[in-house]
């Protein structure tokens, strides 16, 4: 990983846009490795936790809705749901009006597992931001919010 030099801080507007592309391209995967490393040994996988998180935030979902929300193939959702169902964390139910659809919902055990996993995991991941001052964290929140707004205006929604 390269350190910022004085020259890097003095790049022109056009160059800074391209540098941001490079930095985000490098930061995104590194951040996801950090997030996954904070799960610890023997816990649930990141993919399973994300699926539980969607159910936690949005309630019961049909399989295709989960696929779209997670950005994975329907086959991957099926494998995730199979594993979570086997662990007693989710259950499948027939859709009330669409015979072709199956609704996935969390069980009581899934809700308690999700709650305890999210709290601990979020705290562990948040330690990364301890390297920033409170002012830097507020500034970063503002910038990221502005970028998410720009993406929404361009038709890209985020969860």
Protein backbone atom coordinates (compact mmCIF):
# COMPACT_ATOMS: atom_id res chain seq x y z
CA UNK A 1 0.00 0.00 0.00
CA UNK A 2 1.49 3.34 -0.89
CA UNK A 3 1.77 6.24 1.45
CA UNK A 4 0.42 9.64 0.46
CA UNK A 5 3.18 11.98 -0.68
CA UNK A 6 3.14 15.75 -0.90
CA UNK A 7 2.68 15.39 -4.65
CA UNK A 8 -0.42 13.21 -4.09
CA UNK A 9 -2.01 15.92 -1.97
CA UNK A 10 -1.40 18.50 -4.73
CA UNK A 11 -3.01 16.70 -7.68
CA UNK A 12 -5.20 18.72 -10.01
CA UNK A 13 -8.98 18.36 -10.08
CA UNK A 14 -8.99 15.96 -13.03
CA UNK A 15 -6.17 13.92 -11.58
CA UNK A 16 -7.81 13.80 -8.16
CA UNK A 17 -10.97 12.32 -9.69
CA UNK A 18 -8.90 9.52 -11.21
CA UNK A 19 -6.94 9.03 -7.98
CA UNK A 20 -10.24 8.66 -6.13
CA UNK A 21 -11.24 5.91 -8.56
CA UNK A 22 -7.97 4.13 -7.79
CA UNK A 23 -8.28 4.63 -4.04
CA UNK A 24 -11.88 3.40 -3.90
CA UNK A 25 -10.97 0.40 -6.07
CA UNK A 26 -8.22 -0.48 -3.59
CA UNK A 27 -10.13 0.45 -0.44
CA UNK A 28 -13.36 -1.44 -1.25
CA UNK A 29 -11.87 -4.95 -1.38
CA UNK A 30 -9.53 -4.23 1.55
CA UNK A 31 -12.47 -2.99 3.62
CA UNK A 32 -14.48 -6.12 2.80
CA UNK A 33 -11.53 -8.29 3.90
CA UNK A 34 -11.51 -6.31 7.17
CA UNK A 35 -15.27 -6.79 7.62
CA UNK A 36 -15.02 -10.54 6.99
CA UNK A 37 -11.99 -10.88 9.29
CA UNK A 38 -14.03 -9.41 12.13
CA UNK A 39 -16.46 -12.35 12.03
CA UNK A 40 -14.03 -14.55 13.93
CA UNK A 41 -13.67 -18.29 13.78
CA UNK A 42 -16.61 -20.67 13.96
CA UNK A 43 -19.28 -18.02 13.44
CA UNK A 44 -21.57 -17.54 10.51
CA UNK A 45 -20.26 -16.56 7.11
CA UNK A 46 -20.49 -13.00 5.85
CA UNK A 47 -22.92 -14.03 3.09
CA UNK A 48 -25.27 -15.70 5.58
CA UNK A 49 -25.07 -12.71 7.88
CA UNK A 50 -25.95 -10.39 4.99
CA UNK A 51 -29.02 -12.48 4.17
CA UNK A 52 -30.13 -12.41 7.80
CA UNK A 53 -29.51 -8.66 7.79
CA UNK A 54 -31.84 -8.17 4.84
CA UNK A 55 -34.55 -10.13 6.63
CA UNK A 56 -33.87 -8.18 9.83
CA UNK A 57 -34.20 -4.81 8.10
CA UNK A 58 -36.92 -5.55 5.53
CA UNK A 59 -38.86 -8.47 6.98
CA UNK A 60 -39.80 -11.66 5.13
CA UNK A 61 -38.72 -11.69 1.47
CA UNK A 62 -39.30 -13.79 -1.59
CA UNK A 63 -36.24 -15.56 -2.99
CA UNK A 64 -35.93 -13.27 -6.03
CA UNK A 65 -36.11 -10.23 -3.74
CA UNK A 66 -33.24 -11.62 -1.67
CA UNK A 67 -31.25 -12.27 -4.84
CA UNK A 68 -31.66 -8.66 -5.96
CA UNK A 69 -30.99 -7.19 -2.53
CA UNK A 70 -27.81 -9.23 -2.03
CA UNK A 71 -26.63 -8.91 -5.63
CA UNK A 72 -26.12 -12.66 -6.01
CA UNK A 73 -27.60 -15.29 -8.28
CA UNK A 74 -30.82 -17.10 -7.35
CA UNK A 75 -28.76 -20.30 -7.07
CA UNK A 76 -26.55 -18.66 -4.41
CA UNK A 77 -29.61 -17.48 -2.49
CA UNK A 78 -30.97 -21.01 -2.54
CA UNK A 79 -27.71 -22.37 -1.11
CA UNK A 80 -27.65 -19.66 1.59
CA UNK A 81 -31.28 -20.28 2.53
CA UNK A 82 -30.71 -24.06 2.59
CA UNK A 83 -27.81 -23.63 5.04
CA UNK A 84 -29.67 -21.13 7.24
CA UNK A 85 -32.78 -23.33 7.23
CA UNK A 86 -30.69 -26.34 8.23
CA UNK A 87 -29.34 -24.29 11.16
CA UNK A 88 -32.90 -23.37 12.17
CA UNK A 89 -32.39 -19.65 11.50
CA UNK A 90 -34.89 -19.19 8.64
CA UNK A 91 -37.93 -21.02 7.29
CA UNK A 92 -39.62 -21.19 3.93
CA UNK A 93 -43.33 -20.48 3.59
CA UNK A 94 -45.58 -20.49 0.55
CA UNK A 95 -46.35 -17.01 -0.74
CA UNK A 96 -49.96 -16.09 0.15
CA UNK A 97 -50.93 -14.98 -3.38
CA UNK A 98 -48.23 -16.23 -5.77
CA UNK A 99 -47.99 -20.02 -5.97
CA UNK A 100 -44.64 -19.77 -7.77
CA UNK A 101 -42.94 -17.79 -4.99
CA UNK A 102 -41.56 -18.86 -1.65
CA UNK A 103 -41.28 -16.47 1.26
CA UNK A 104 -38.23 -16.62 3.52
CA UNK A 105 -38.59 -15.44 7.09
CA UNK A 106 -36.42 -15.58 10.17
CA UNK A 107 -37.24 -17.93 13.01
CA UNK A 108 -37.04 -16.82 16.63
CA UNK A 109 -33.64 -18.45 16.84
CA UNK A 110 -32.61 -16.58 13.69
CA UNK A 111 -33.70 -13.27 15.18
CA UNK A 112 -31.72 -13.77 18.39
CA UNK A 113 -28.67 -15.06 16.50
CA UNK A 114 -28.86 -12.15 14.07
CA UNK A 115 -29.16 -9.60 16.86
CA UNK A 116 -26.19 -10.91 18.81
CA UNK A 117 -24.07 -11.38 15.68
CA UNK A 118 -24.79 -7.90 14.28
CA UNK A 119 -24.06 -6.05 17.49
CA UNK A 120 -20.74 -7.79 18.11
CA UNK A 121 -19.69 -7.69 14.48
CA UNK A 122 -20.60 -4.02 14.04
CA UNK A 123 -18.57 -3.11 17.12
CA UNK A 124 -15.55 -5.05 15.84
CA UNK A 125 -15.76 -3.47 12.38
CA UNK A 126 -16.20 0.01 13.86
CA UNK A 127 -12.78 -0.25 15.52
CA UNK A 128 -11.26 0.66 12.16
CA UNK A 129 -12.77 4.12 12.48
CA UNK A 130 -11.03 4.67 15.83
CA UNK A 131 -8.05 5.78 13.73
CA UNK A 132 -10.07 8.85 12.67
CA UNK A 133 -10.90 11.83 14.84
CA UNK A 134 -14.55 12.57 15.56
CA UNK A 135 -14.39 15.47 13.09
CA UNK A 136 -12.93 13.20 10.39
CA UNK A 137 -15.67 10.63 10.99
CA UNK A 138 -18.37 13.30 10.64
CA UNK A 139 -16.71 14.62 7.47
CA UNK A 140 -16.46 11.11 6.01
CA UNK A 141 -20.13 10.46 6.78
CA UNK A 142 -21.06 13.66 4.96
CA UNK A 143 -18.93 12.85 1.91
CA UNK A 144 -20.19 9.26 1.68
CA UNK A 145 -23.79 10.44 2.03
CA UNK A 146 -23.24 12.92 -0.78
CA UNK A 147 -21.75 10.20 -3.01
CA UNK A 148 -24.65 7.84 -2.30
CA UNK A 149 -27.03 10.65 -3.25
CA UNK A 150 -25.12 11.17 -6.51
CA UNK A 151 -25.42 7.46 -7.28
CA UNK A 152 -29.16 7.47 -6.52
CA UNK A 153 -29.60 10.40 -8.94
CA UNK A 154 -27.83 8.26 -11.55
CA UNK A 155 -30.22 5.36 -10.94
CA UNK A 156 -28.05 3.25 -8.64
CA UNK A 157 -29.63 2.47 -5.29
CA UNK A 158 -27.77 1.26 -2.25
CA UNK A 159 -28.93 -0.73 0.71
